[in-house]
Protein backbone atom coordinates (compact mmCIF):
# COMPACT_ATOMS: atom_id res chain seq x y z
CA MET A 1 0.18 0.01 -0.03
CA GLN A 2 3.27 2.36 0.30
CA ARG A 3 2.82 3.19 -3.34
CA LEU A 4 -0.39 5.26 -2.82
CA HIS A 5 1.90 7.55 -1.13
CA PRO A 6 3.93 8.75 -4.17
CA LEU A 7 0.80 8.28 -6.52
CA LEU A 8 -1.04 11.07 -4.21
CA LYS A 9 1.88 13.51 -4.44
CA SER A 10 1.90 13.10 -8.04
CA PHE A 11 -1.93 13.81 -8.28
CA VAL A 12 -1.23 17.13 -6.18
CA GLU A 13 1.33 17.67 -8.29
CA LYS A 14 -0.52 17.85 -11.72
CA GLY A 15 -4.03 18.41 -10.04
CA PRO A 16 -5.86 19.44 -6.85
CA ALA A 17 -4.05 21.26 -3.72
CA GLY A 18 -4.69 18.19 -1.81
CA CYS A 19 -6.54 14.96 -1.47
CA SER A 20 -6.55 12.19 1.09
CA LEU A 21 -7.05 8.96 0.95
CA ALA A 22 -7.99 5.87 3.26
CA VAL A 23 -8.01 2.12 2.23
CA MET A 24 -9.61 -0.23 4.65
CA HIS A 25 -9.29 -4.10 4.74
CA GLN A 26 -11.20 -6.91 6.88
CA GLY A 27 -11.72 -4.51 9.63
CA LYS A 28 -8.50 -2.79 9.85
CA LEU A 29 -7.44 0.60 8.33
CA VAL A 30 -4.21 -0.28 6.80
CA PHE A 31 -3.32 2.77 4.69
CA GLU A 32 -3.80 6.91 5.19
CA ASP A 33 -2.90 9.72 4.09
CA TYR A 34 -3.16 13.74 3.67
CA VAL A 35 -1.28 15.24 1.08
CA GLY A 36 -1.41 19.09 -0.15
CA PHE A 37 -3.63 21.73 0.95
CA ALA A 38 -7.25 22.26 2.04
CA ASP A 39 -6.58 25.71 1.05
CA LYS A 40 -4.07 26.95 -1.06
CA ASP A 41 -4.66 30.28 -0.61
CA LEU A 42 -4.46 30.28 3.34
CA GLN A 43 -1.59 27.30 3.08
CA LYS A 44 -4.40 25.10 4.90
CA PRO A 45 -3.20 21.62 4.80
CA VAL A 46 -5.24 18.60 4.08
CA THR A 47 -5.54 16.47 7.54
CA GLU A 48 -8.47 14.58 9.08
CA GLU A 49 -10.34 17.12 10.07
CA THR A 50 -10.70 18.66 6.14
CA ILE A 51 -14.95 18.63 5.39
CA PHE A 52 -15.25 17.56 1.40
CA ARG A 53 -18.05 18.56 -1.01
CA ILE A 54 -18.74 14.55 -1.62
CA TYR A 55 -21.39 15.87 -4.33
CA SER A 56 -22.87 12.51 -6.02
CA MET A 57 -21.34 10.47 -3.71
CA THR A 58 -24.32 10.89 -1.65
CA LYS A 59 -26.20 9.10 -3.91
CA VAL A 60 -24.76 5.74 -2.51
CA VAL A 61 -26.25 7.03 1.06
CA THR A 62 -29.32 8.00 0.09
CA CYS A 63 -29.79 4.15 -2.32
CA THR A 64 -28.48 2.52 1.32
CA ALA A 65 -31.30 4.46 3.50
CA ALA A 66 -33.87 3.15 1.08
CA LEU A 67 -33.08 0.06 1.18
CA MET A 68 -32.95 -0.25 4.87
CA LEU A 69 -36.45 1.13 4.21
CA TYR A 70 -37.12 -1.61 1.75
CA GLU A 71 -35.70 -4.50 4.13
CA ARG A 72 -38.65 -3.32 6.39
CA GLY A 73 -41.32 -3.91 3.89
CA TYR A 74 -42.39 -0.36 3.29
CA PHE A 75 -41.79 -0.93 -0.13
CA LEU A 76 -40.81 -3.35 -2.76
CA LEU A 77 -38.73 -2.62 -6.15
CA ASN A 78 -41.30 -3.39 -8.73
CA ASP A 79 -44.06 -1.02 -7.14
CA PRO A 80 -45.21 1.91 -9.38
CA LEU A 81 -43.63 5.12 -7.41
CA GLU A 82 -47.20 6.87 -7.82
CA GLU A 83 -48.04 4.48 -4.59
CA TYR A 84 -46.27 6.50 -2.24
CA LEU A 85 -45.39 9.64 -4.14
CA PRO A 86 -48.93 10.28 -6.06
CA GLU A 87 -47.41 13.41 -8.15
CA PHE A 88 -45.92 10.67 -10.75
CA LYS A 89 -49.39 9.13 -11.33
CA ASN A 90 -50.21 9.35 -15.38
CA PRO A 91 -46.44 10.60 -16.29
CA SER A 92 -46.01 11.77 -19.17
CA VAL A 93 -42.99 12.04 -21.79
CA TYR A 94 -41.15 13.91 -24.28
CA ARG A 95 -41.39 12.37 -28.22
CA LEU A 96 -40.77 12.69 -31.79
CA ASN A 97 -44.26 12.88 -33.93
CA GLU A 98 -44.28 11.56 -37.82
CA GLN A 99 -43.48 15.06 -38.67
CA GLY A 100 -40.30 15.74 -36.55
CA GLU A 101 -41.91 17.35 -34.03
CA TRP A 102 -41.16 17.32 -30.23
CA ILE A 103 -44.57 16.53 -28.65
CA VAL A 104 -45.84 15.61 -25.29
CA THR A 105 -47.37 12.06 -25.01
CA PRO A 106 -48.48 9.45 -22.37
CA ALA A 107 -45.47 7.87 -20.56
CA LYS A 108 -46.18 3.84 -21.72
CA LYS A 109 -45.76 2.61 -18.40
CA SER A 110 -45.46 3.97 -14.73
CA ILE A 111 -41.89 4.84 -13.23
CA LEU A 112 -41.25 1.84 -10.93
CA VAL A 113 -39.49 2.54 -7.55
CA LYS A 114 -36.74 0.35 -8.89
CA ASP A 115 -36.33 2.76 -11.60
CA LEU A 116 -35.23 5.18 -9.22
CA PHE A 117 -31.98 3.00 -7.90
CA THR A 118 -30.77 2.44 -11.52
CA MET A 119 -31.76 5.91 -13.21
CA THR A 120 -33.80 4.36 -15.53
CA SER A 121 -36.86 6.84 -14.77
CA GLY A 122 -36.67 9.56 -16.98
CA LEU A 123 -35.95 12.22 -14.74
CA THR A 124 -32.79 13.16 -16.08
CA TYR A 125 -30.63 16.34 -15.32
CA GLY A 126 -31.40 17.87 -19.02
CA GLY A 127 -28.54 18.84 -21.17
CA GLU A 128 -27.42 18.79 -24.82
CA GLY A 129 -27.14 15.54 -25.19
CA ASP A 130 -30.09 15.05 -27.56
CA GLU A 131 -33.14 16.87 -27.96
CA SER A 132 -35.36 14.69 -25.44
CA GLU A 133 -32.77 16.18 -22.99
CA ARG A 134 -32.58 19.72 -24.40
CA GLN A 135 -36.19 19.82 -23.75
CA VAL A 136 -36.19 18.90 -20.54
CA SER A 137 -33.49 21.89 -19.78
CA LYS A 138 -35.92 23.97 -21.29
CA ALA A 139 -38.76 22.56 -18.48
CA LEU A 140 -36.15 23.40 -15.91
CA SER A 141 -34.73 26.66 -16.52
CA GLU A 142 -38.72 27.25 -16.13
CA LEU A 143 -38.81 26.22 -12.91
CA ASN A 144 -37.58 28.90 -10.64
CA ASP A 145 -34.14 28.94 -8.93
CA ARG A 146 -35.55 29.87 -5.37
CA ASP A 147 -38.27 26.60 -5.94
CA MET A 148 -35.28 24.33 -6.80
CA TYR A 149 -32.59 25.85 -4.26
CA GLY A 150 -33.95 28.66 -2.67
CA GLU A 151 -34.26 29.10 1.35
CA LYS A 152 -37.74 27.63 1.22
CA ALA A 153 -37.13 24.61 -1.10
CA THR A 154 -37.31 20.81 -0.08
CA VAL A 155 -37.02 17.32 -1.31
CA ARG A 156 -40.42 16.85 -1.09
CA ASN A 157 -41.41 20.19 -3.39
CA LEU A 158 -38.07 19.53 -5.86
CA SER A 159 -40.30 15.82 -6.50
CA LYS A 160 -43.18 17.44 -7.41
CA LEU A 161 -41.97 20.12 -9.42
CA LEU A 162 -40.05 17.36 -11.24
CA ALA A 163 -43.25 15.39 -11.60
CA SER A 164 -44.71 18.58 -13.20
CA ILE A 165 -42.23 18.14 -16.07
CA PRO A 166 -42.82 15.50 -18.72
CA LEU A 167 -39.70 12.68 -18.39
CA ALA A 168 -36.61 12.51 -20.96
CA PHE A 169 -37.92 8.81 -22.14
CA ASP A 170 -40.15 6.02 -21.36
CA PRO A 171 -39.51 4.67 -17.62
CA GLY A 172 -37.38 1.73 -17.66
CA SER A 173 -36.64 2.32 -21.69
CA GLN A 174 -33.04 3.95 -20.82
CA TRP A 175 -30.35 4.81 -18.47
CA ARG A 176 -29.44 8.06 -18.02
CA TYR A 177 -28.15 10.50 -15.46
CA GLY A 178 -30.34 12.82 -13.50
CA PHE A 179 -32.92 13.45 -10.15
CA SER A 180 -34.10 10.19 -9.47
CA HIS A 181 -32.06 9.92 -6.33
CA ASP A 182 -32.98 13.14 -4.74
CA VAL A 183 -36.67 11.81 -5.50
CA LEU A 184 -35.29 9.08 -3.70
CA GLY A 185 -34.88 11.13 -0.74
CA ALA A 186 -38.70 12.14 -0.51
CA LEU A 187 -39.87 8.54 -1.27
CA ILE A 188 -38.09 7.95 2.33
CA GLU A 189 -39.52 11.05 3.77
CA VAL A 190 -43.16 9.94 3.04
CA LEU A 191 -42.28 6.23 3.87
CA SER A 192 -40.20 6.95 7.46
CA GLY A 193 -42.30 10.10 8.08
CA LYS A 194 -39.11 12.13 9.41
CA SER A 195 -37.55 14.57 7.36
CA PHE A 196 -34.74 12.97 5.16
CA SER A 197 -31.95 14.60 7.46
CA ASP A 198 -32.92 13.16 10.54
CA PHE A 199 -33.48 9.59 9.11
CA LEU A 200 -30.05 9.68 7.80
CA ASN A 201 -28.73 11.04 11.41
CA GLU A 202 -30.73 8.42 13.16
CA GLU A 203 -30.57 5.42 10.70
CA ILE A 204 -26.82 5.60 9.88
CA PHE A 205 -24.86 8.50 10.57
CA LYS A 206 -25.14 8.37 14.62
CA PRO A 207 -24.43 5.03 14.43
CA LEU A 208 -21.61 4.36 12.61
CA GLU A 209 -19.92 7.57 14.52
CA MET A 210 -19.98 10.00 11.14
CA LEU A 211 -19.81 12.95 13.15
CA ASP A 212 -18.95 15.04 10.39
CA THR A 213 -21.19 14.24 7.99
CA PHE A 214 -24.12 16.55 6.99
CA PHE A 215 -26.13 18.94 4.41
CA LYS A 216 -25.25 22.14 5.88
CA VAL A 217 -21.73 22.91 7.69
CA PRO A 218 -22.10 23.51 11.24
CA ASP A 219 -20.96 27.43 12.21
CA ASP A 220 -18.54 25.93 14.31
CA LYS A 221 -16.44 23.55 11.41
CA GLN A 222 -17.34 26.39 8.69
CA HIS A 223 -13.23 26.79 8.92
CA ARG A 224 -12.62 23.23 8.51
CA LEU A 225 -14.30 23.25 4.86
CA ALA A 226 -11.97 23.21 2.23
CA ALA A 227 -11.60 24.88 -0.64
CA ILE A 228 -13.21 24.02 -4.27
CA TYR A 229 -10.71 25.01 -7.20
CA ASP A 230 -11.32 25.74 -10.72
CA ARG A 231 -8.34 24.13 -12.74
CA SER A 232 -7.25 26.31 -15.84
CA GLU A 233 -5.61 24.15 -18.96
CA ASP A 234 -2.22 25.52 -18.23
CA GLY A 235 -2.90 23.89 -14.40
CA VAL A 236 -3.73 27.01 -12.30
CA LEU A 237 -5.89 26.81 -9.53
CA ILE A 238 -9.11 29.33 -9.45
CA ARG A 239 -10.63 29.40 -5.71
CA ASN A 240 -14.43 29.06 -6.75
CA GLU A 241 -17.36 30.78 -5.31
CA SER A 242 -20.07 29.78 -6.86
CA MET A 243 -20.45 26.12 -5.56
CA ASP A 244 -21.73 26.52 -2.07
CA ARG A 245 -25.19 27.96 -2.88
CA GLN A 246 -26.86 24.13 -1.55
CA PHE A 247 -25.02 24.56 1.71
CA HIS A 248 -25.48 28.59 2.88
CA PRO A 249 -26.83 28.32 6.28
CA ASN A 250 -30.19 29.01 5.59
CA SER A 251 -30.97 26.44 2.77
CA THR A 252 -33.97 23.74 3.57
CA PHE A 253 -32.85 21.51 0.20
CA GLU A 254 -31.41 18.09 1.18
CA SER A 255 -30.59 16.75 -2.35
CA GLY A 256 -30.80 13.09 -2.23
CA GLY A 257 -28.41 13.26 -5.27
CA ALA A 258 -25.54 15.42 -4.15
CA GLY A 259 -25.97 17.62 -1.06
CA LEU A 260 -23.63 15.80 1.48
CA LEU A 261 -20.70 16.61 3.05
CA SER A 262 -18.28 14.61 4.69
CA THR A 263 -14.72 13.37 6.22
CA LEU A 264 -12.16 11.11 4.87
CA LYS A 265 -13.00 9.19 8.44
CA ASP A 266 -16.62 9.42 8.12
CA PHE A 267 -16.84 8.36 4.70
CA SER A 268 -14.49 5.10 5.47
CA ASN A 269 -16.74 4.34 8.14
CA PHE A 270 -20.05 4.30 5.86
CA SER A 271 -17.75 2.60 2.89
CA HIS A 272 -16.33 -0.11 4.99
CA MET A 273 -19.54 -0.86 7.03
CA LEU A 274 -21.09 -2.05 3.35
CA ALA A 275 -17.48 -3.55 2.54
CA ASN A 276 -18.13 -5.50 5.81
CA GLY A 277 -21.56 -6.75 5.15
CA GLY A 278 -23.34 -4.08 6.62
CA GLU A 279 -21.87 -3.96 9.80
CA LEU A 280 -18.85 -2.25 11.33
CA ASN A 281 -17.82 -1.87 15.34
CA GLY A 282 -21.10 -4.05 16.24
CA VAL A 283 -23.47 -2.04 14.65
CA LYS A 284 -25.70 -3.64 12.05
CA ILE A 285 -27.16 -0.94 9.11
CA ILE A 286 -28.27 -3.44 6.83
CA GLY A 287 -28.30 -6.47 5.13
CA LYS A 288 -25.46 -8.64 3.58
CA ASN A 289 -28.36 -9.87 0.84
CA THR A 290 -29.70 -6.32 0.36
CA ILE A 291 -26.00 -4.97 -0.35
CA SER A 292 -25.54 -8.03 -2.89
CA LEU A 293 -28.51 -6.86 -4.46
CA MET A 294 -27.11 -3.38 -4.34
CA GLY A 295 -24.20 -4.79 -5.90
CA THR A 296 -25.70 -6.34 -8.66
CA ASN A 297 -25.88 -5.18 -12.43
CA HIS A 298 -29.55 -3.89 -12.70
CA LEU A 299 -29.40 -2.58 -16.59
CA GLN A 300 -30.35 -4.66 -19.52
CA SER A 301 -28.91 -4.73 -22.84
CA GLU A 302 -30.96 -1.58 -24.26
CA GLN A 303 -30.23 0.22 -21.10
CA MET A 304 -26.36 -0.33 -21.17
CA LYS A 305 -26.33 1.27 -24.54
CA GLN A 306 -26.49 5.12 -22.68
CA TYR A 307 -24.20 3.42 -19.67
CA ASN A 308 -21.17 3.89 -21.85
CA TRP A 309 -18.61 6.39 -20.15
CA ASP A 310 -15.31 5.24 -20.90
CA TYR A 311 -13.67 5.37 -17.43
CA LEU A 312 -16.39 3.01 -16.45
CA ALA A 313 -15.59 0.11 -19.15
CA GLY A 314 -16.39 -3.27 -17.62
CA TYR A 315 -18.70 -2.04 -15.59
CA GLY A 316 -22.62 -2.15 -14.98
CA TYR A 317 -24.92 -0.05 -12.42
CA GLY A 318 -26.56 -1.97 -9.63
CA LEU A 319 -28.70 0.15 -7.29
CA GLY A 320 -27.19 3.19 -6.99
CA VAL A 321 -23.68 2.13 -7.65
CA ARG A 322 -21.36 1.39 -10.54
CA THR A 323 -20.71 -2.26 -10.40
CA MET A 324 -17.51 -4.86 -11.64
CA ILE A 325 -18.84 -7.32 -14.33
CA ASP A 326 -15.88 -7.31 -16.64
CA PRO A 327 -12.73 -7.19 -15.41
CA ALA A 328 -11.50 -7.56 -19.14
CA VAL A 329 -13.23 -5.15 -20.79
CA GLY A 330 -12.29 -2.34 -18.25
CA GLY A 331 -8.84 -3.52 -17.72
CA LEU A 332 -8.67 -3.74 -14.04
CA ASN A 333 -7.36 -6.01 -11.22
CA SER A 334 -10.17 -5.62 -8.71
CA SER A 335 -12.93 -8.18 -8.06
CA ILE A 336 -16.09 -9.02 -9.96
CA GLY A 337 -18.77 -7.18 -7.63
CA GLU A 338 -16.40 -4.61 -6.97
CA PHE A 339 -18.87 -1.12 -6.52
CA GLY A 340 -19.66 2.33 -5.82
CA TRP A 341 -19.43 5.70 -6.90
CA SER A 342 -18.17 9.36 -7.25
CA GLY A 343 -18.62 12.87 -6.96
CA LEU A 344 -18.17 15.83 -9.01
CA ALA A 345 -15.20 17.78 -7.26
CA GLY A 346 -13.19 14.39 -7.71
CA THR A 347 -14.14 12.39 -4.23
CA TRP A 348 -14.63 8.61 -4.95
CA MET A 349 -15.41 5.15 -3.18
CA LEU A 350 -14.61 1.77 -3.84
CA VAL A 351 -16.57 -1.21 -1.81
CA ASP A 352 -15.46 -4.72 -2.46
CA PRO A 353 -17.28 -7.11 -0.23
CA LYS A 354 -15.68 -10.34 -1.40
CA GLU A 355 -11.86 -9.15 0.14
CA LYS A 356 -13.82 -7.10 2.73
CA LEU A 357 -12.36 -4.11 1.11
CA SER A 358 -13.09 -0.51 1.19
CA ALA A 359 -11.62 2.60 -0.09
CA VAL A 360 -12.28 6.78 0.10
CA TYR A 361 -10.53 9.70 -1.61
CA MET A 362 -11.21 12.93 -1.12
CA GLN A 363 -10.10 15.87 -3.50
CA GLN A 364 -12.04 19.57 -4.54
CA MET A 365 -11.63 19.75 -8.01
CA LEU A 366 -12.64 21.14 -11.40
CA PRO A 367 -12.24 19.48 -13.54
CA ASN A 368 -11.76 16.39 -11.41
CA PHE A 369 -9.92 13.95 -13.20
CA GLU A 370 -11.37 11.19 -12.32
CA ALA A 371 -10.47 9.30 -15.22
CA TYR A 372 -6.85 9.81 -14.63
CA HIS A 373 -7.07 9.33 -11.00
CA GLN A 374 -9.84 6.41 -10.12
CA PRO A 375 -8.55 3.85 -12.20
CA ARG A 376 -4.64 4.08 -10.88
CA LEU A 377 -5.81 3.93 -7.18
CA ARG A 378 -7.83 1.02 -8.57
CA ALA A 379 -4.95 -0.73 -9.45
CA VAL A 380 -2.28 0.24 -6.72
CA ILE A 381 -5.30 -0.98 -3.98
CA TYR A 382 -5.72 -4.86 -5.27
CA GLY A 383 -2.15 -4.91 -6.44
CA ALA A 384 -1.37 -4.77 -2.60
CA LEU A 385 -3.54 -7.53 -1.35
CA ASN A 386 -1.77 -10.39 -0.55
């Protein structure tokens, strides 16, 4: 594992201001390192106290929380979503007619709860990928920023706003990254009768001693939040001041897709709980069979056509996680069934229940260099196993 030290230093020389990595194997911390700066301007080093925006790694926490309710019999994966979130009854879809015009027509089927986990719901982030995505982007742009991210925004209200927009495709027909896990957060609120953050705190964070994981940074911990940087093409890091609107003190929006902040230690506890069959330090969070279901590829061949991110070659997609299905295709030395996800600013997690191995990497930079960093981290970690 000591080969990881020079690798992390090389990352910081060419990319982020600082980074940190922890690797746990069979219940033991086998590697931990902190390199560079949490705030380059203030020359503040990355330490175990540094708080990071984990963005889309939040999705794995959200899916784990929802699967805890699944284990209690609150829902089944193949249930229509409208049974629990009635705003999604009778969904509509953007599609082309014979004249080549975009029209809105009824969806061919209901969104299933499973579609939220697997990103096959039709609830996309929009974008320029194709005309249906542009139609979604146009509809999203007409929603007031205040409604989505303002002081009175909530995950429940976001769910209702998203339900008012036509889907990008018929549920279950495609895979497309988007708001599915934010809506899963709303489902957790409705089923549990608690706020999303209260459920996470009571059921996951406190039991796992994740004392520095939250949707908003408390005032007395603000000084521990790492700066986030934009990297120019010539390698200059410029502090980004525009990324934190959802974390401001008065925000009420708790994004199940991208809202959490955490530390290396906290998220290592969460990741290793999953690697260790759903239990850590005698505390049981979720069943090992459910974790196995989470890490199983749920995409059919037609859906895999959209799941084509180059650096994820060899992976399928489970219940909110990438999952290794073909090491030869990816050219990777990890186990079949190794799973995890990553975050916008370059954070990354790896979970391997077979080896009882987990790894968490933290940094804060855009672009995130994930296609360069993550395969190299994985190669070194698995190369070090006995």
